């Protein structure tokens, strides 16, 4: 199956089925509704463009809703399988760099996540694909120095990158 056929498949789904498929890519309800309404997509790029356009119009509540659909970086993904069943496989692939981490790095990620949540009110969001646990820890520690509003913008951009990767996976047979 080529990507165009995959887009045609997404276009052919009933709204409830499309909602379920797209929710795996981003957990913000309004984003998913916007994507379902934006169909039919003429190409994968048209779908990616729609995703970005819709994401740019999300409010703070929507952004936090999307964040709530992610496991914490460095946590045991298996323990989160129930909560994140529809995205557990993707999340474990995306966070593969954390699997090979040292105990010290994992402890740093755990403490950093607690500190980050206490400061910003949401979990640390990073597009983890291709990053080692040490790299993620470095990013987390650096971003702890941000102020609230700029950090939300950084985290929202990371969410957009994650969504793009998941949309690509959705189109891959």
N, C-alpha and C. Protein backbone atom coordinates (compact mmCIF):
# COMPACT_ATOMS: atom_id res chain seq x y z
N UNK A 1 0.85 -1.18 0.00
CA UNK A 1 0.00 0.00 0.00
C UNK A 1 0.90 1.24 0.00
N UNK A 2 0.66 2.17 -0.91
CA UNK A 2 1.46 3.40 -0.91
C UNK A 2 0.75 4.47 -0.07
N UNK A 3 1.47 5.53 0.29
CA UNK A 3 0.86 6.54 1.18
C UNK A 3 -0.43 7.15 0.64
N UNK A 4 -0.52 7.34 -0.68
CA UNK A 4 -1.74 7.92 -1.24
C UNK A 4 -2.92 7.00 -0.96
N UNK A 5 -2.72 5.68 -1.11
CA UNK A 5 -3.79 4.75 -0.79
C UNK A 5 -4.15 4.84 0.68
N UNK A 6 -3.16 5.05 1.54
CA UNK A 6 -3.44 5.19 2.96
C UNK A 6 -4.29 6.42 3.23
N UNK A 7 -3.99 7.53 2.55
CA UNK A 7 -4.79 8.73 2.71
C UNK A 7 -6.20 8.46 2.21
N UNK A 8 -6.30 7.74 1.10
CA UNK A 8 -7.63 7.38 0.60
C UNK A 8 -8.37 6.53 1.62
N UNK A 9 -7.66 5.66 2.29
CA UNK A 9 -8.28 4.84 3.32
C UNK A 9 -8.78 5.73 4.47
N UNK A 10 -7.93 6.67 4.93
CA UNK A 10 -8.34 7.59 6.00
C UNK A 10 -9.57 8.38 5.55
N UNK A 11 -9.57 8.80 4.30
CA UNK A 11 -10.71 9.56 3.76
C UNK A 11 -11.99 8.72 3.74
N UNK A 12 -11.85 7.41 3.56
CA UNK A 12 -13.02 6.54 3.42
C UNK A 12 -13.64 6.12 4.75
N UNK A 13 -12.94 6.35 5.85
CA UNK A 13 -13.45 5.93 7.16
C UNK A 13 -14.68 6.73 7.56
N UNK A 14 -15.57 6.06 8.28
CA UNK A 14 -16.69 6.79 8.89
C UNK A 14 -16.09 7.78 9.88
N UNK A 15 -16.79 8.88 10.16
CA UNK A 15 -16.24 9.88 11.09
C UNK A 15 -15.76 9.29 12.42
N UNK A 16 -16.52 8.38 13.00
CA UNK A 16 -16.11 7.81 14.29
C UNK A 16 -14.83 6.98 14.15
N UNK A 17 -14.69 6.29 13.03
CA UNK A 17 -13.47 5.50 12.79
C UNK A 17 -12.27 6.41 12.54
N UNK A 18 -12.49 7.48 11.78
CA UNK A 18 -11.42 8.44 11.51
C UNK A 18 -11.00 9.11 12.81
N UNK A 19 -11.97 9.45 13.65
CA UNK A 19 -11.68 10.07 14.94
C UNK A 19 -10.77 9.15 15.75
N UNK A 20 -11.12 7.89 15.83
CA UNK A 20 -10.32 6.92 16.59
C UNK A 20 -8.91 6.80 16.04
N UNK A 21 -8.78 6.73 14.73
CA UNK A 21 -7.46 6.60 14.10
C UNK A 21 -6.62 7.84 14.34
N UNK A 22 -7.20 9.01 14.18
CA UNK A 22 -6.46 10.26 14.32
C UNK A 22 -6.15 10.60 15.77
N UNK A 23 -6.99 10.14 16.69
CA UNK A 23 -6.75 10.38 18.11
C UNK A 23 -5.46 9.70 18.57
N UNK A 24 -5.05 8.66 17.87
CA UNK A 24 -3.78 8.00 18.20
C UNK A 24 -2.60 8.92 17.91
N UNK A 25 -2.81 9.89 17.04
CA UNK A 25 -1.74 10.81 16.64
C UNK A 25 -1.65 12.02 17.55
N UNK A 26 -2.77 12.47 18.05
CA UNK A 26 -2.83 13.64 18.95
C UNK A 26 -4.10 13.53 19.77
N UNK A 27 -3.97 13.65 21.07
CA UNK A 27 -5.11 13.45 21.96
C UNK A 27 -6.00 14.66 22.18
N UNK A 28 -5.72 15.78 21.52
CA UNK A 28 -6.57 16.96 21.69
C UNK A 28 -7.85 16.78 20.88
N UNK A 29 -8.97 16.73 21.59
CA UNK A 29 -10.28 16.45 20.99
C UNK A 29 -10.60 17.41 19.84
N UNK A 30 -10.37 18.71 20.05
CA UNK A 30 -10.68 19.69 18.99
C UNK A 30 -9.79 19.49 17.76
N UNK A 31 -8.53 19.10 17.98
CA UNK A 31 -7.64 18.84 16.84
C UNK A 31 -8.17 17.66 16.04
N UNK A 32 -8.55 16.60 16.74
CA UNK A 32 -9.07 15.41 16.05
C UNK A 32 -10.34 15.76 15.28
N UNK A 33 -11.25 16.49 15.91
CA UNK A 33 -12.48 16.90 15.22
C UNK A 33 -12.16 17.72 13.98
N UNK A 34 -11.20 18.63 14.10
CA UNK A 34 -10.80 19.44 12.95
C UNK A 34 -10.23 18.60 11.83
N UNK A 35 -9.44 17.59 12.18
CA UNK A 35 -8.86 16.71 11.16
C UNK A 35 -9.94 15.87 10.48
N UNK A 36 -10.88 15.36 11.26
CA UNK A 36 -11.98 14.57 10.68
C UNK A 36 -12.76 15.44 9.71
N UNK A 37 -13.04 16.68 10.10
CA UNK A 37 -13.81 17.60 9.25
C UNK A 37 -13.03 18.05 8.02
N UNK A 38 -11.70 18.05 8.11
CA UNK A 38 -10.86 18.51 6.99
C UNK A 38 -10.77 17.49 5.86
N UNK A 39 -11.19 16.28 6.11
CA UNK A 39 -11.15 15.27 5.04
C UNK A 39 -12.12 15.64 3.94
N UNK A 40 -11.92 15.24 2.73
CA UNK A 40 -10.86 14.32 2.27
C UNK A 40 -9.54 15.05 2.03
N UNK A 41 -8.45 14.33 2.28
CA UNK A 41 -7.11 14.84 2.01
C UNK A 41 -6.69 14.39 0.62
N UNK A 42 -6.12 15.29 -0.15
CA UNK A 42 -5.71 14.95 -1.52
C UNK A 42 -4.38 14.22 -1.56
N UNK A 43 -3.60 14.31 -0.48
CA UNK A 43 -2.27 13.70 -0.44
C UNK A 43 -1.81 13.65 1.01
N UNK A 44 -0.73 12.89 1.26
CA UNK A 44 -0.17 12.93 2.61
C UNK A 44 0.23 14.36 3.02
N UNK A 45 0.83 15.10 2.10
CA UNK A 45 1.24 16.47 2.43
C UNK A 45 0.04 17.34 2.79
N UNK A 46 -1.07 17.15 2.09
CA UNK A 46 -2.28 17.91 2.42
C UNK A 46 -2.75 17.57 3.83
N UNK A 47 -2.62 16.31 4.22
CA UNK A 47 -3.01 15.91 5.57
C UNK A 47 -2.06 16.55 6.59
N UNK A 48 -0.74 16.53 6.31
CA UNK A 48 0.22 17.13 7.22
C UNK A 48 0.00 18.63 7.35
N UNK A 49 -0.30 19.28 6.23
CA UNK A 49 -0.56 20.72 6.25
C UNK A 49 -1.80 21.04 7.08
N UNK A 50 -2.84 20.23 6.91
CA UNK A 50 -4.07 20.42 7.70
C UNK A 50 -3.77 20.23 9.18
N UNK A 51 -2.98 19.22 9.51
CA UNK A 51 -2.63 18.96 10.91
C UNK A 51 -1.94 20.16 11.53
N UNK A 52 -0.98 20.73 10.80
CA UNK A 52 -0.26 21.90 11.31
C UNK A 52 -1.18 23.11 11.45
N UNK A 53 -2.00 23.34 10.45
CA UNK A 53 -2.91 24.49 10.45
C UNK A 53 -3.88 24.40 11.64
N UNK A 54 -4.44 23.23 11.84
CA UNK A 54 -5.39 23.02 12.94
C UNK A 54 -4.67 23.16 14.28
N UNK A 55 -3.47 22.59 14.39
CA UNK A 55 -2.71 22.65 15.65
C UNK A 55 -2.41 24.10 16.03
N UNK A 56 -2.06 24.92 15.04
CA UNK A 56 -1.73 26.33 15.32
C UNK A 56 -2.91 27.10 15.89
N UNK A 57 -4.12 26.59 15.72
CA UNK A 57 -5.31 27.26 16.24
C UNK A 57 -5.80 26.69 17.57
N UNK A 58 -5.02 25.81 18.16
CA UNK A 58 -5.41 25.22 19.43
C UNK A 58 -5.10 26.18 20.57
N UNK A 59 -5.96 26.17 21.56
CA UNK A 59 -5.75 26.97 22.77
C UNK A 59 -4.98 26.20 23.81
N UNK A 60 -4.71 26.86 24.91
CA UNK A 60 -3.94 26.26 25.99
C UNK A 60 -4.60 24.98 26.52
N UNK A 61 -5.92 24.98 26.66
CA UNK A 61 -6.63 23.80 27.13
C UNK A 61 -6.40 22.62 26.18
N UNK A 62 -6.49 22.87 24.88
CA UNK A 62 -6.29 21.82 23.87
C UNK A 62 -4.87 21.27 23.93
N UNK A 63 -3.91 22.17 24.09
CA UNK A 63 -2.51 21.76 24.15
C UNK A 63 -2.29 20.86 25.37
N UNK A 64 -2.83 21.27 26.51
CA UNK A 64 -2.69 20.45 27.71
C UNK A 64 -3.41 19.12 27.56
N UNK A 65 -4.54 19.12 26.87
CA UNK A 65 -5.25 17.87 26.63
C UNK A 65 -4.38 16.92 25.80
N UNK A 66 -3.72 17.44 24.79
CA UNK A 66 -2.82 16.61 23.98
C UNK A 66 -1.69 16.04 24.84
N UNK A 67 -1.12 16.89 25.71
CA UNK A 67 -0.03 16.43 26.58
C UNK A 67 -0.49 15.30 27.49
N UNK A 68 -1.75 15.34 27.93
CA UNK A 68 -2.24 14.34 28.88
C UNK A 68 -2.31 12.94 28.28
N UNK A 69 -2.14 12.83 26.99
CA UNK A 69 -2.18 11.53 26.32
C UNK A 69 -0.80 10.91 26.16
N UNK A 70 0.20 11.46 26.82
CA UNK A 70 1.56 10.94 26.72
C UNK A 70 2.03 10.38 28.05
N UNK A 71 2.80 9.29 27.99
CA UNK A 71 3.46 8.83 29.21
C UNK A 71 4.64 9.75 29.52
N UNK A 72 5.08 9.76 30.75
CA UNK A 72 6.25 10.54 31.12
C UNK A 72 7.49 9.90 30.51
N UNK A 73 8.39 10.73 29.99
CA UNK A 73 9.66 10.25 29.47
C UNK A 73 10.41 9.55 30.60
N UNK A 74 10.93 8.36 30.31
CA UNK A 74 11.73 7.64 31.29
C UNK A 74 10.94 6.73 32.20
N UNK A 75 9.62 6.80 32.13
CA UNK A 75 8.81 5.89 32.95
C UNK A 75 8.74 4.55 32.27
N UNK A 76 8.44 3.54 33.03
CA UNK A 76 8.25 2.21 32.49
C UNK A 76 6.99 2.22 31.63
N UNK A 77 7.16 2.14 30.31
CA UNK A 77 6.04 2.23 29.38
C UNK A 77 5.06 1.07 29.61
N UNK A 78 5.58 -0.09 30.00
CA UNK A 78 4.69 -1.24 30.22
C UNK A 78 3.65 -0.95 31.30
N UNK A 79 4.05 -0.19 32.33
CA UNK A 79 3.10 0.12 33.40
C UNK A 79 2.02 1.09 32.95
N UNK A 80 2.25 1.75 31.84
CA UNK A 80 1.28 2.72 31.32
C UNK A 80 0.42 2.13 30.21
N UNK A 81 0.61 0.85 29.91
CA UNK A 81 -0.07 0.22 28.78
C UNK A 81 -1.59 0.36 28.86
N UNK A 82 -2.16 0.23 30.06
CA UNK A 82 -3.61 0.36 30.19
C UNK A 82 -4.08 1.77 29.85
N UNK A 83 -3.43 2.77 30.43
CA UNK A 83 -3.85 4.16 30.21
C UNK A 83 -3.65 4.60 28.77
N UNK A 84 -2.56 4.14 28.17
CA UNK A 84 -2.20 4.58 26.83
C UNK A 84 -2.22 3.42 25.84
N UNK A 85 -3.21 2.55 25.95
CA UNK A 85 -3.26 1.34 25.14
C UNK A 85 -3.18 1.61 23.65
N UNK A 86 -3.87 2.62 23.16
CA UNK A 86 -3.89 2.85 21.72
C UNK A 86 -2.58 3.43 21.18
N UNK A 87 -1.76 4.02 22.05
CA UNK A 87 -0.50 4.60 21.58
C UNK A 87 0.70 3.97 22.26
N UNK A 88 0.51 2.93 23.05
CA UNK A 88 1.62 2.35 23.82
C UNK A 88 2.75 1.87 22.92
N UNK A 89 2.42 1.22 21.82
CA UNK A 89 3.46 0.74 20.91
C UNK A 89 4.25 1.87 20.32
N UNK A 90 3.56 2.91 19.89
CA UNK A 90 4.25 4.06 19.32
C UNK A 90 5.09 4.76 20.38
N UNK A 91 4.55 4.93 21.56
CA UNK A 91 5.28 5.63 22.62
C UNK A 91 6.54 4.86 23.00
N UNK A 92 6.46 3.54 23.06
CA UNK A 92 7.65 2.77 23.42
C UNK A 92 8.71 2.88 22.34
N UNK A 93 8.31 2.92 21.07
CA UNK A 93 9.27 3.13 19.98
C UNK A 93 9.87 4.53 20.08
N UNK A 94 9.04 5.52 20.32
CA UNK A 94 9.49 6.91 20.38
C UNK A 94 10.44 7.11 21.55
N UNK A 95 10.27 6.35 22.63
CA UNK A 95 11.08 6.53 23.82
C UNK A 95 12.13 5.42 23.95
N UNK A 96 12.48 4.78 22.85
CA UNK A 96 13.44 3.67 22.90
C UNK A 96 14.77 4.10 23.52
N UNK A 97 15.15 5.36 23.35
CA UNK A 97 16.40 5.86 23.92
C UNK A 97 16.43 5.80 25.42
N UNK A 98 15.28 5.86 26.05
CA UNK A 98 15.23 5.79 27.51
C UNK A 98 15.42 4.36 28.01
N UNK A 99 15.17 3.38 27.15
CA UNK A 99 15.27 1.99 27.57
C UNK A 99 16.71 1.59 27.89
N UNK A 100 17.70 2.20 27.24
CA UNK A 100 19.10 1.84 27.44
C UNK A 100 19.81 2.78 28.41
N UNK A 101 19.07 3.51 29.19
CA UNK A 101 19.64 4.52 30.08
C UNK A 101 20.25 3.90 31.32
N UNK A 102 21.21 4.62 31.90
CA UNK A 102 21.78 4.21 33.17
C UNK A 102 20.77 4.50 34.27
N UNK A 103 20.96 3.86 35.40
CA UNK A 103 20.08 4.10 36.55
C UNK A 103 20.13 5.57 36.96
N UNK A 104 21.31 6.16 36.94
CA UNK A 104 21.47 7.57 37.31
C UNK A 104 20.67 8.47 36.36
N UNK A 105 20.73 8.18 35.07
CA UNK A 105 19.99 8.98 34.10
C UNK A 105 18.49 8.81 34.30
N UNK A 106 18.04 7.57 34.53
CA UNK A 106 16.61 7.33 34.77
C UNK A 106 16.14 8.05 36.02
N UNK A 107 16.94 8.04 37.06
CA UNK A 107 16.58 8.76 38.29
C UNK A 107 16.53 10.26 38.01
N UNK A 108 17.46 10.75 37.20
CA UNK A 108 17.46 12.16 36.82
C UNK A 108 16.22 12.54 36.04
N UNK A 109 15.81 11.66 35.12
CA UNK A 109 14.59 11.90 34.35
C UNK A 109 13.37 11.91 35.27
N UNK A 110 13.32 10.96 36.19
CA UNK A 110 12.18 10.89 37.11
C UNK A 110 12.09 12.16 37.95
N UNK A 111 13.23 12.58 38.53
CA UNK A 111 13.23 13.79 39.35
C UNK A 111 12.96 15.02 38.49
N UNK A 112 13.57 15.07 37.32
CA UNK A 112 13.36 16.19 36.42
C UNK A 112 11.90 16.33 36.02
N UNK A 113 11.25 15.20 35.76
CA UNK A 113 9.83 15.22 35.42
C UNK A 113 9.00 15.78 36.57
N UNK A 114 9.33 15.37 37.79
CA UNK A 114 8.60 15.90 38.95
C UNK A 114 8.80 17.41 39.07
N UNK A 115 10.04 17.85 38.91
CA UNK A 115 10.34 19.27 38.99
C UNK A 115 9.64 20.05 37.87
N UNK A 116 9.66 19.49 36.68
CA UNK A 116 9.05 20.13 35.52
C UNK A 116 7.54 20.28 35.73
N UNK A 117 6.89 19.19 36.15
CA UNK A 117 5.44 19.23 36.38
C UNK A 117 5.08 20.23 37.47
N UNK A 118 5.89 20.27 38.53
CA UNK A 118 5.62 21.22 39.61
C UNK A 118 5.72 22.66 39.11
N UNK A 119 6.65 22.92 38.21
CA UNK A 119 6.85 24.28 37.72
C UNK A 119 5.83 24.66 36.63
N UNK A 120 5.58 23.74 35.69
CA UNK A 120 4.78 24.10 34.51
C UNK A 120 3.36 23.55 34.51
N UNK A 121 3.06 22.59 35.38
CA UNK A 121 1.69 22.08 35.46
C UNK A 121 1.34 21.04 34.42
N UNK A 122 2.31 20.55 33.69
CA UNK A 122 2.09 19.47 32.72
C UNK A 122 3.38 18.68 32.58
N UNK A 123 3.25 17.49 31.99
CA UNK A 123 4.43 16.65 31.84
C UNK A 123 5.39 17.25 30.82
N UNK A 124 6.63 16.84 30.91
CA UNK A 124 7.67 17.24 29.97
C UNK A 124 7.39 16.56 28.64
N UNK A 125 7.24 17.36 27.60
CA UNK A 125 6.98 16.85 26.26
C UNK A 125 8.20 17.11 25.41
N UNK A 126 8.71 16.06 24.80
CA UNK A 126 9.83 16.18 23.87
C UNK A 126 9.64 15.14 22.78
N UNK A 127 9.96 15.49 21.57
CA UNK A 127 9.94 14.52 20.48
C UNK A 127 11.17 13.65 20.69
N UNK A 128 10.95 12.50 21.29
CA UNK A 128 12.03 11.65 21.77
C UNK A 128 12.67 10.78 20.69
N UNK A 129 12.05 10.69 19.53
CA UNK A 129 12.58 9.83 18.47
C UNK A 129 14.02 10.18 18.16
N UNK A 130 14.87 9.16 18.24
CA UNK A 130 16.28 9.33 17.91
C UNK A 130 17.13 9.95 19.01
N UNK A 131 16.55 10.22 20.16
CA UNK A 131 17.29 10.84 21.25
C UNK A 131 17.60 9.80 22.32
N UNK A 132 18.80 9.89 22.88
CA UNK A 132 19.15 9.02 24.00
C UNK A 132 18.52 9.58 25.27
N UNK A 133 18.50 8.76 26.30
CA UNK A 133 17.98 9.21 27.59
C UNK A 133 18.80 10.38 28.12
N UNK A 134 20.10 10.33 27.92
CA UNK A 134 20.95 11.42 28.39
C UNK A 134 20.62 12.72 27.65
N UNK A 135 20.36 12.63 26.34
CA UNK A 135 19.98 13.82 25.58
C UNK A 135 18.65 14.38 26.09
N UNK A 136 17.69 13.48 26.35
CA UNK A 136 16.39 13.94 26.85
C UNK A 136 16.54 14.59 28.22
N UNK A 137 17.39 14.01 29.06
CA UNK A 137 17.63 14.60 30.38
C UNK A 137 18.24 15.99 30.23
N UNK A 138 19.18 16.14 29.33
CA UNK A 138 19.79 17.45 29.10
C UNK A 138 18.77 18.48 28.63
N UNK A 139 17.89 18.07 27.72
CA UNK A 139 16.83 18.96 27.24
C UNK A 139 15.88 19.33 28.37
N UNK A 140 15.51 18.35 29.17
CA UNK A 140 14.61 18.60 30.30
C UNK A 140 15.23 19.61 31.26
N UNK A 141 16.49 19.38 31.61
CA UNK A 141 17.15 20.28 32.56
C UNK A 141 17.27 21.69 31.98
N UNK A 142 17.58 21.80 30.69
CA UNK A 142 17.69 23.12 30.07
C UNK A 142 16.34 23.83 30.04
N UNK A 143 15.29 23.10 29.73
CA UNK A 143 13.97 23.71 29.63
C UNK A 143 13.38 24.08 30.98
N UNK A 144 13.88 23.49 32.05
CA UNK A 144 13.43 23.89 33.39
C UNK A 144 13.73 25.36 33.66
N UNK A 145 14.69 25.93 32.95
CA UNK A 145 15.03 27.33 33.12
C UNK A 145 14.11 28.29 32.38
N UNK A 146 13.21 27.76 31.55
CA UNK A 146 12.29 28.61 30.78
C UNK A 146 11.21 29.20 31.67
N UNK A 147 10.63 30.29 31.19
CA UNK A 147 9.44 30.86 31.82
C UNK A 147 8.21 30.12 31.27
N UNK A 148 7.08 30.27 31.92
CA UNK A 148 5.85 29.53 31.62
C UNK A 148 5.43 29.62 30.14
N UNK A 149 5.24 30.84 29.65
CA UNK A 149 4.70 31.01 28.29
C UNK A 149 5.65 30.50 27.20
N UNK A 150 6.93 30.87 27.25
CA UNK A 150 7.83 30.33 26.22
C UNK A 150 7.94 28.81 26.28
N UNK A 151 7.90 28.25 27.48
CA UNK A 151 7.99 26.79 27.60
C UNK A 151 6.77 26.11 27.01
N UNK A 152 5.60 26.69 27.21
CA UNK A 152 4.40 26.10 26.61
C UNK A 152 4.53 26.09 25.09
N UNK A 153 5.09 27.14 24.52
CA UNK A 153 5.29 27.20 23.06
C UNK A 153 6.28 26.13 22.61
N UNK A 154 7.36 25.93 23.37
CA UNK A 154 8.34 24.89 23.04
C UNK A 154 7.68 23.52 23.12
N UNK A 155 6.97 23.26 24.19
CA UNK A 155 6.31 21.96 24.37
C UNK A 155 5.25 21.73 23.29
N UNK A 156 4.52 22.77 22.91
CA UNK A 156 3.51 22.64 21.85
C UNK A 156 4.17 22.29 20.52
N UNK A 157 5.33 22.87 20.25
CA UNK A 157 6.06 22.54 19.02
C UNK A 157 6.55 21.08 19.06
N UNK A 158 6.98 20.64 20.21
CA UNK A 158 7.39 19.23 20.35
C UNK A 158 6.19 18.31 20.10
N UNK A 159 5.02 18.70 20.61
CA UNK A 159 3.79 17.93 20.37
C UNK A 159 3.49 17.89 18.87
N UNK A 160 3.66 19.01 18.19
CA UNK A 160 3.41 19.04 16.74
C UNK A 160 4.33 18.06 16.01
N UNK A 161 5.60 18.00 16.41
CA UNK A 161 6.55 17.06 15.80
C UNK A 161 6.13 15.62 16.05
N UNK A 162 5.72 15.33 17.27
CA UNK A 162 5.27 13.97 17.62
C UNK A 162 4.05 13.61 16.79
N UNK A 163 3.11 14.55 16.67
CA UNK A 163 1.90 14.31 15.87
C UNK A 163 2.28 13.99 14.43
N UNK A 164 3.21 14.73 13.86
CA UNK A 164 3.64 14.49 12.48
C UNK A 164 4.20 13.07 12.33
N UNK A 165 5.05 12.68 13.25
CA UNK A 165 5.63 11.33 13.20
C UNK A 165 4.52 10.28 13.29
N UNK A 166 3.56 10.51 14.15
CA UNK A 166 2.46 9.54 14.31
C UNK A 166 1.55 9.53 13.09
N UNK A 167 1.34 10.67 12.46
CA UNK A 167 0.57 10.68 11.21
C UNK A 167 1.29 9.88 10.13
N UNK A 168 2.62 10.02 10.07
CA UNK A 168 3.40 9.24 9.11
C UNK A 168 3.25 7.75 9.39
N UNK A 169 3.27 7.37 10.68
CA UNK A 169 3.08 5.97 11.04
C UNK A 169 1.67 5.49 10.67
N UNK A 170 0.70 6.37 10.83
CA UNK A 170 -0.68 6.03 10.48
C UNK A 170 -0.78 5.72 8.99
N UNK A 171 0.02 6.39 8.19
CA UNK A 171 -0.01 6.18 6.73
C UNK A 171 0.90 5.05 6.27
N UNK A 172 1.64 4.47 7.18
CA UNK A 172 2.55 3.39 6.83
C UNK A 172 1.86 2.05 7.10
N UNK A 173 1.79 1.23 6.05
CA UNK A 173 1.12 -0.06 6.25
C UNK A 173 1.83 -0.95 7.26
